[in-house]
Amino acid sequence: MGTERDPITPTGKDFVSIRGTGYVKPAFDEAYTFRIEVNDGARLWVDGDFVIDGYETVGEAGETYAVYDASTSGH
């Protein structure tokens, strides 16, 4: 009988986080929507503005993930 390997870490996937920084170069001068799909909390800043604060969110029973959307304004 083999053991199932966890695809994220050897110790489990309940305590995994990611932090990233980068740039998005828009092709057009219009509003853009960012979407985050997570099974726990998330925060997102765009151009220094705090646009999604779902960090302390707890999902409803039976939900597999939460969806957060935030739109920028066109310049």
PDB file of N, CA and C in Angstrom:
ATOM      1  N   MET A   1       0.841  -1.164   0.000  1.00  0.00           N
ATOM      2  CA  MET A   1       0.000   0.000   0.000  1.00  0.00           C
ATOM      3  C   MET A   1       0.897   1.241   0.000  1.00  0.00           C
ATOM      4  N   GLY A   2       0.724   2.126  -0.976  1.00  0.00           N
ATOM      5  CA  GLY A   2       1.524   3.343  -1.072  1.00  0.00           C
ATOM      6  C   GLY A   2       0.908   4.497  -0.307  1.00  0.00           C
ATOM      7  N   THR A   3       1.685   5.546  -0.110  1.00  0.00           N
ATOM      8  CA  THR A   3       1.167   6.740   0.550  1.00  0.00           C
ATOM      9  C   THR A   3       0.930   7.822  -0.494  1.00  0.00           C
ATOM     10  N   GLU A   4      -0.099   8.614  -0.260  1.00  0.00           N
ATOM     11  CA  GLU A   4      -0.410   9.721  -1.168  1.00  0.00           C
ATOM     12  C   GLU A   4       0.527  10.891  -0.860  1.00  0.00           C
ATOM     13  N   ARG A   5       1.161  11.415  -1.882  1.00  0.00           N
ATOM     14  CA  ARG A   5       2.066  12.552  -1.700  1.00  0.00           C
ATOM     15  C   ARG A   5       1.292  13.851  -1.790  1.00  0.00           C
ATOM     16  N   ASP A   6       1.591  14.761  -0.900  1.00  0.00           N
ATOM     17  CA  ASP A   6       0.966  16.075  -0.928  1.00  0.00           C
ATOM     18  C   ASP A   6       1.626  16.892  -2.032  1.00  0.00           C
ATOM     19  N   PRO A   7       0.854  17.464  -2.952  1.00  0.00           N
ATOM     20  CA  PRO A   7       1.441  18.181  -4.088  1.00  0.00           C
ATOM     21  C   PRO A   7       2.047  19.537  -3.745  1.00  0.00           C
ATOM     22  N   ILE A   8       1.770  20.075  -2.543  1.00  0.00           N
ATOM     23  CA  ILE A   8       2.260  21.421  -2.224  1.00  0.00           C
ATOM     24  C   ILE A   8       3.489  21.369  -1.329  1.00  0.00           C
ATOM     25  N   THR A   9       3.396  20.730  -0.186  1.00  0.00           N
ATOM     26  CA  THR A   9       4.532  20.630   0.738  1.00  0.00           C
ATOM     27  C   THR A   9       4.553  19.246   1.365  1.00  0.00           C
ATOM     28  N   PRO A  10       5.685  18.822   1.899  1.00  0.00           N
ATOM     29  CA  PRO A  10       5.737  17.513   2.559  1.00  0.00           C
ATOM     30  C   PRO A  10       4.931  17.472   3.857  1.00  0.00           C
ATOM     31  N   THR A  11       4.659  18.628   4.476  1.00  0.00           N
ATOM     32  CA  THR A  11       3.984  18.644   5.770  1.00  0.00           C
ATOM     33  C   THR A  11       2.496  18.959   5.674  1.00  0.00           C
ATOM     34  N   GLY A  12       1.996  19.307   4.542  1.00  0.00           N
ATOM     35  CA  GLY A  12       0.575  19.596   4.410  1.00  0.00           C
ATOM     36  C   GLY A  12       0.326  20.858   3.630  1.00  0.00           C
ATOM     37  N   LYS A  13      -0.914  21.047   3.253  1.00  0.00           N
ATOM     38  CA  LYS A  13      -1.250  22.215   2.458  1.00  0.00           C
ATOM     39  C   LYS A  13      -2.120  23.217   3.199  1.00  0.00           C
ATOM     40  N   ASP A  14      -2.286  23.049   4.513  1.00  0.00           N
ATOM     41  CA  ASP A  14      -3.114  23.971   5.281  1.00  0.00           C
ATOM     42  C   ASP A  14      -2.368  25.226   5.722  1.00  0.00           C
ATOM     43  N   PHE A  15      -1.072  25.235   5.665  1.00  0.00           N
ATOM     44  CA  PHE A  15      -0.306  26.371   6.156  1.00  0.00           C
ATOM     45  C   PHE A  15       0.638  26.890   5.075  1.00  0.00           C
ATOM     46  N   VAL A  16       0.105  27.123   3.901  1.00  0.00           N
ATOM     47  CA  VAL A  16       0.892  27.591   2.773  1.00  0.00           C
ATOM     48  C   VAL A  16       0.470  29.014   2.448  1.00  0.00           C
ATOM     49  N   SER A  17       1.423  29.878   2.189  1.00  0.00           N
ATOM     50  CA  SER A  17       1.094  31.241   1.782  1.00  0.00           C
ATOM     51  C   SER A  17       2.018  31.645   0.647  1.00  0.00           C
ATOM     52  N   ILE A  18       1.617  32.693  -0.037  1.00  0.00           N
ATOM     53  CA  ILE A  18       2.426  33.217  -1.127  1.00  0.00           C
ATOM     54  C   ILE A  18       2.365  34.732  -1.082  1.00  0.00           C
ATOM     55  N   ARG A  19       3.473  35.348  -1.392  1.00  0.00           N
ATOM     56  CA  ARG A  19       3.528  36.804  -1.494  1.00  0.00           C
ATOM     57  C   ARG A  19       4.304  37.108  -2.753  1.00  0.00           C
ATOM     58  N   GLY A  20       3.757  37.963  -3.553  1.00  0.00           N
ATOM     59  CA  GLY A  20       4.432  38.297  -4.798  1.00  0.00           C
ATOM     60  C   GLY A  20       4.307  39.780  -5.102  1.00  0.00           C
ATOM     61  N   THR A  21       5.268  40.272  -5.817  1.00  0.00           N
ATOM     62  CA  THR A  21       5.212  41.644  -6.319  1.00  0.00           C
ATOM     63  C   THR A  21       5.552  41.594  -7.793  1.00  0.00           C
ATOM     64  N   GLY A  22       5.042  42.536  -8.508  1.00  0.00           N
ATOM     65  CA  GLY A  22       5.327  42.553  -9.930  1.00  0.00           C
ATOM     66  C   GLY A  22       4.628  43.698 -10.613  1.00  0.00           C
ATOM     67  N   TYR A  23       4.632  43.652 -11.905  1.00  0.00           N
ATOM     68  CA  TYR A  23       4.046  44.710 -12.716  1.00  0.00           C
ATOM     69  C   TYR A  23       3.105  44.109 -13.742  1.00  0.00           C
ATOM     70  N   VAL A  24       2.046  44.836 -14.011  1.00  0.00           N
ATOM     71  CA  VAL A  24       1.128  44.500 -15.087  1.00  0.00           C
ATOM     72  C   VAL A  24       1.127  45.705 -16.011  1.00  0.00           C
ATOM     73  N   LYS A  25       1.493  45.484 -17.249  1.00  0.00           N
ATOM     74  CA  LYS A  25       1.512  46.577 -18.217  1.00  0.00           C
ATOM     75  C   LYS A  25       0.261  46.480 -19.081  1.00  0.00           C
ATOM     76  N   PRO A  26      -0.739  47.332 -18.806  1.00  0.00           N
ATOM     77  CA  PRO A  26      -1.987  47.257 -19.564  1.00  0.00           C
ATOM     78  C   PRO A  26      -1.787  47.621 -21.027  1.00  0.00           C
ATOM     79  N   ALA A  27      -2.501  46.922 -21.870  1.00  0.00           N
ATOM     80  CA  ALA A  27      -2.430  47.186 -23.305  1.00  0.00           C
ATOM     81  C   ALA A  27      -3.269  48.405 -23.691  1.00  0.00           C
ATOM     82  N   PHE A  28      -4.283  48.713 -22.879  1.00  0.00           N
ATOM     83  CA  PHE A  28      -5.185  49.814 -23.179  1.00  0.00           C
ATOM     84  C   PHE A  28      -5.420  50.651 -21.934  1.00  0.00           C
ATOM     85  N   ASP A  29      -5.835  51.872 -22.106  1.00  0.00           N
ATOM     86  CA  ASP A  29      -6.117  52.798 -21.019  1.00  0.00           C
ATOM     87  C   ASP A  29      -7.595  52.665 -20.637  1.00  0.00           C
ATOM     88  N   GLU A  30      -7.891  51.611 -19.881  1.00  0.00           N
ATOM     89  CA  GLU A  30      -9.262  51.342 -19.470  1.00  0.00           C
ATOM     90  C   GLU A  30      -9.251  50.624 -18.134  1.00  0.00           C
ATOM     91  N   ALA A  31     -10.420  50.362 -17.576  1.00  0.00           N
ATOM     92  CA  ALA A  31     -10.514  49.642 -16.316  1.00  0.00           C
ATOM     93  C   ALA A  31     -10.180  48.167 -16.523  1.00  0.00           C
ATOM     94  N   TYR A  32      -9.513  47.582 -15.543  1.00  0.00           N
ATOM     95  CA  TYR A  32      -9.177  46.163 -15.553  1.00  0.00           C
ATOM     96  C   TYR A  32      -9.698  45.522 -14.279  1.00  0.00           C
ATOM     97  N   THR A  33     -10.070  44.258 -14.373  1.00  0.00           N
ATOM     98  CA  THR A  33     -10.563  43.524 -13.215  1.00  0.00           C
ATOM     99  C   THR A  33      -9.569  42.434 -12.848  1.00  0.00           C
ATOM    100  N   PHE A  34      -9.243  42.380 -11.554  1.00  0.00           N
ATOM    101  CA  PHE A  34      -8.391  41.329 -11.008  1.00  0.00           C
ATOM    102  C   PHE A  34      -9.292  40.365 -10.257  1.00  0.00           C
ATOM    103  N   ARG A  35      -9.053  39.070 -10.399  1.00  0.00           N
ATOM    104  CA  ARG A  35      -9.850  38.052  -9.710  1.00  0.00           C
ATOM    105  C   ARG A  35      -8.909  37.123  -8.963  1.00  0.00           C
ATOM    106  N   ILE A  36      -9.263  36.866  -7.707  1.00  0.00           N
ATOM    107  CA  ILE A  36      -8.513  35.934  -6.875  1.00  0.00           C
ATOM    108  C   ILE A  36      -9.481  34.838  -6.440  1.00  0.00           C
ATOM    109  N   GLU A  37      -9.098  33.593  -6.625  1.00  0.00           N
ATOM    110  CA  GLU A  37      -9.879  32.452  -6.161  1.00  0.00           C
ATOM    111  C   GLU A  37      -9.021  31.691  -5.159  1.00  0.00           C
ATOM    112  N   VAL A  38      -9.456  31.672  -3.904  1.00  0.00           N
ATOM    113  CA  VAL A  38      -8.670  31.048  -2.834  1.00  0.00           C
ATOM    114  C   VAL A  38      -9.568  30.226  -1.921  1.00  0.00           C
ATOM    115  N   ASN A  39      -8.958  29.283  -1.196  1.00  0.00           N
ATOM    116  CA  ASN A  39      -9.730  28.519  -0.222  1.00  0.00           C
ATOM    117  C   ASN A  39      -9.506  29.028   1.189  1.00  0.00           C
ATOM    118  N   ASP A  40      -8.993  30.225   1.279  1.00  0.00           N
ATOM    119  CA  ASP A  40      -8.768  30.863   2.576  1.00  0.00           C
ATOM    120  C   ASP A  40      -8.783  32.369   2.346  1.00  0.00           C
ATOM    121  N   GLY A  41      -7.905  33.121   2.973  1.00  0.00           N
ATOM    122  CA  GLY A  41      -7.921  34.566   2.851  1.00  0.00           C
ATOM    123  C   GLY A  41      -6.982  35.096   1.785  1.00  0.00           C
ATOM    124  N   ALA A  42      -7.223  36.361   1.389  1.00  0.00           N
ATOM    125  CA  ALA A  42      -6.369  37.002   0.382  1.00  0.00           C
ATOM    126  C   ALA A  42      -6.441  38.514   0.528  1.00  0.00           C
ATOM    127  N   ARG A  43      -5.351  39.162   0.172  1.00  0.00           N
ATOM    128  CA  ARG A  43      -5.293  40.628   0.100  1.00  0.00           C
ATOM    129  C   ARG A  43      -4.610  40.996  -1.206  1.00  0.00           C
ATOM    130  N   LEU A  44      -5.042  42.133  -1.778  1.00  0.00           N
ATOM    131  CA  LEU A  44      -4.449  42.579  -3.042  1.00  0.00           C
ATOM    132  C   LEU A  44      -4.340  44.091  -3.059  1.00  0.00           C
ATOM    133  N   TRP A  45      -3.160  44.568  -3.426  1.00  0.00           N
ATOM    134  CA  TRP A  45      -2.919  45.979  -3.644  1.00  0.00           C
ATOM    135  C   TRP A  45      -2.644  46.177  -5.132  1.00  0.00           C
ATOM    136  N   VAL A  46      -3.193  47.240  -5.711  1.00  0.00           N
ATOM    137  CA  VAL A  46      -2.926  47.595  -7.105  1.00  0.00           C
ATOM    138  C   VAL A  46      -2.519  49.054  -7.125  1.00  0.00           C
ATOM    139  N   ASP A  47      -1.329  49.313  -7.627  1.00  0.00           N
ATOM    140  CA  ASP A  47      -0.786  50.671  -7.710  1.00  0.00           C
ATOM    141  C   ASP A  47      -0.819  51.372  -6.351  1.00  0.00           C
ATOM    142  N   GLY A  48      -0.509  50.601  -5.299  1.00  0.00           N
ATOM    143  CA  GLY A  48      -0.460  51.152  -3.951  1.00  0.00           C
ATOM    144  C   GLY A  48      -1.813  51.251  -3.258  1.00  0.00           C
ATOM    145  N   ASP A  49      -2.900  50.925  -3.948  1.00  0.00           N
ATOM    146  CA  ASP A  49      -4.239  50.969  -3.363  1.00  0.00           C
ATOM    147  C   ASP A  49      -4.649  49.580  -2.892  1.00  0.00           C
ATOM    148  N   PHE A  50      -5.187  49.506  -1.689  1.00  0.00           N
ATOM    149  CA  PHE A  50      -5.658  48.259  -1.100  1.00  0.00           C
ATOM    150  C   PHE A  50      -7.032  47.968  -1.693  1.00  0.00           C
ATOM    151  N   VAL A  51      -7.127  47.000  -2.622  1.00  0.00           N
ATOM    152  CA  VAL A  51      -8.376  46.798  -3.365  1.00  0.00           C
ATOM    153  C   VAL A  51      -9.153  45.544  -2.958  1.00  0.00           C
ATOM    154  N   ILE A  52      -8.496  44.567  -2.356  1.00  0.00           N
ATOM    155  CA  ILE A  52      -9.201  43.381  -1.856  1.00  0.00           C
ATOM    156  C   ILE A  52      -8.701  43.096  -0.447  1.00  0.00           C
ATOM    157  N   ASP A  53      -9.637  43.022   0.495  1.00  0.00           N
ATOM    158  CA  ASP A  53      -9.302  42.626   1.855  1.00  0.00           C
ATOM    159  C   ASP A  53     -10.216  41.479   2.244  1.00  0.00           C
ATOM    160  N   GLY A  54      -9.824  40.280   1.894  1.00  0.00           N
ATOM    161  CA  GLY A  54     -10.570  39.089   2.251  1.00  0.00           C
ATOM    162  C   GLY A  54      -9.726  38.172   3.103  1.00  0.00           C
ATOM    163  N   TYR A  55      -8.798  38.752   3.857  1.00  0.00           N
ATOM    164  CA  TYR A  55      -7.831  37.947   4.598  1.00  0.00           C
ATOM    165  C   TYR A  55      -8.460  37.149   5.735  1.00  0.00           C
ATOM    166  N   GLU A  56      -9.399  37.733   6.432  1.00  0.00           N
ATOM    167  CA  GLU A  56     -10.007  37.065   7.586  1.00  0.00           C
ATOM    168  C   GLU A  56     -11.295  36.330   7.210  1.00  0.00           C
ATOM    169  N   THR A  57     -11.561  36.171   5.941  1.00  0.00           N
ATOM    170  CA  THR A  57     -12.789  35.540   5.482  1.00  0.00           C
ATOM    171  C   THR A  57     -12.761  34.042   5.740  1.00  0.00           C
ATOM    172  N   VAL A  58     -13.858  33.522   6.256  1.00  0.00           N
ATOM    173  CA  VAL A  58     -14.023  32.089   6.446  1.00  0.00           C
ATOM    174  C   VAL A  58     -15.134  31.654   5.504  1.00  0.00           C
ATOM    175  N   GLY A  59     -14.880  30.642   4.706  1.00  0.00           N
ATOM    176  CA  GLY A  59     -15.858  30.184   3.726  1.00  0.00           C
ATOM    177  C   GLY A  59     -17.085  29.553   4.359  1.00  0.00           C
ATOM    178  N   GLU A  60     -18.160  29.562   3.612  1.00  0.00           N
ATOM    179  CA  GLU A  60     -19.396  28.923   4.042  1.00  0.00           C
ATOM    180  C   GLU A  60     -19.231  27.402   3.963  1.00  0.00           C
ATOM    181  N   ALA A  61     -20.022  26.695   4.719  1.00  0.00           N
ATOM    182  CA  ALA A  61     -19.968  25.228   4.706  1.00  0.00           C
ATOM    183  C   ALA A  61     -20.250  24.718   3.298  1.00  0.00           C
ATOM    184  N   GLY A  62     -19.427  23.825   2.823  1.00  0.00           N
ATOM    185  CA  GLY A  62     -19.609  23.239   1.498  1.00  0.00           C
ATOM    186  C   GLY A  62     -18.895  23.993   0.383  1.00  0.00           C
ATOM    187  N   GLU A  63     -18.434  25.207   0.637  1.00  0.00           N
ATOM    188  CA  GLU A  63     -17.701  25.952  -0.391  1.00  0.00           C
ATOM    189  C   GLU A  63     -16.280  25.413  -0.485  1.00  0.00           C
ATOM    190  N   THR A  64     -15.775  25.326  -1.702  1.00  0.00           N
ATOM    191  CA  THR A  64     -14.400  24.869  -1.869  1.00  0.00           C
ATOM    192  C   THR A  64     -13.432  26.035  -2.004  1.00  0.00           C
ATOM    193  N   TYR A  65     -13.931  27.211  -2.412  1.00  0.00           N
ATOM    194  CA  TYR A  65     -13.081  28.387  -2.502  1.00  0.00           C
ATOM    195  C   TYR A  65     -13.934  29.650  -2.528  1.00  0.00           C
ATOM    196  N   ALA A  66     -13.284  30.777  -2.261  1.00  0.00           N
ATOM    197  CA  ALA A  66     -13.933  32.091  -2.304  1.00  0.00           C
ATOM    198  C   ALA A  66     -13.397  32.848  -3.506  1.00  0.00           C
ATOM    199  N   VAL A  67     -14.214  33.726  -4.070  1.00  0.00           N
ATOM    200  CA  VAL A  67     -13.821  34.532  -5.225  1.00  0.00           C
ATOM    201  C   VAL A  67     -13.873  36.000  -4.832  1.00  0.00           C
ATOM    202  N   TYR A  68     -12.809  36.717  -5.119  1.00  0.00           N
ATOM    203  CA  TYR A  68     -12.730  38.148  -4.870  1.00  0.00           C
ATOM    204  C   TYR A  68     -12.423  38.854  -6.182  1.00  0.00           C
ATOM    205  N   ASP A  69     -13.173  39.899  -6.483  1.00  0.00           N
ATOM    206  CA  ASP A  69     -12.944  40.705  -7.679  1.00  0.00           C
ATOM    207  C   ASP A  69     -12.686  42.142  -7.276  1.00  0.00           C
ATOM    208  N   ALA A  70     -11.799  42.807  -8.014  1.00  0.00           N
ATOM    209  CA  ALA A  70     -11.547  44.234  -7.813  1.00  0.00           C
ATOM    210  C   ALA A  70     -11.226  44.837  -9.175  1.00  0.00           C
ATOM    211  N   SER A  71     -11.791  46.001  -9.429  1.00  0.00           N
ATOM    212  CA  SER A  71     -11.560  46.677 -10.704  1.00  0.00           C
ATOM    213  C   SER A  71     -10.770  47.951 -10.501  1.00  0.00           C
ATOM    214  N   THR A  72      -9.927  48.234 -11.444  1.00  0.00           N
ATOM    215  CA  THR A  72      -9.180  49.491 -11.447  1.00  0.00           C
ATOM    216  C   THR A  72      -9.971  50.499 -12.269  1.00  0.00           C
ATOM    217  N   SER A  73      -9.619  51.748 -12.132  1.00  0.00           N
ATOM    218  CA  SER A  73     -10.256  52.759 -12.982  1.00  0.00           C
ATOM    219  C   SER A  73      -9.316  53.046 -14.154  1.00  0.00           C
ATOM    220  N   GLY A  74      -9.877  53.308 -15.309  1.00  0.00           N
ATOM    221  CA  GLY A  74      -9.064  53.671 -16.471  1.00  0.00           C
ATOM    222  C   GLY A  74      -8.520  55.068 -16.308  1.00  0.00           C
ATOM    223  N   HIS A  75      -7.402  55.361 -16.902  1.00  0.00           N
ATOM    224  CA  HIS A  75      -6.789  56.703 -16.796  1.00  0.00           C
ATOM    225  C   HIS A  75      -7.001  57.495 -18.049  1.00  0.00           C
TER     226      HIS A  75
END
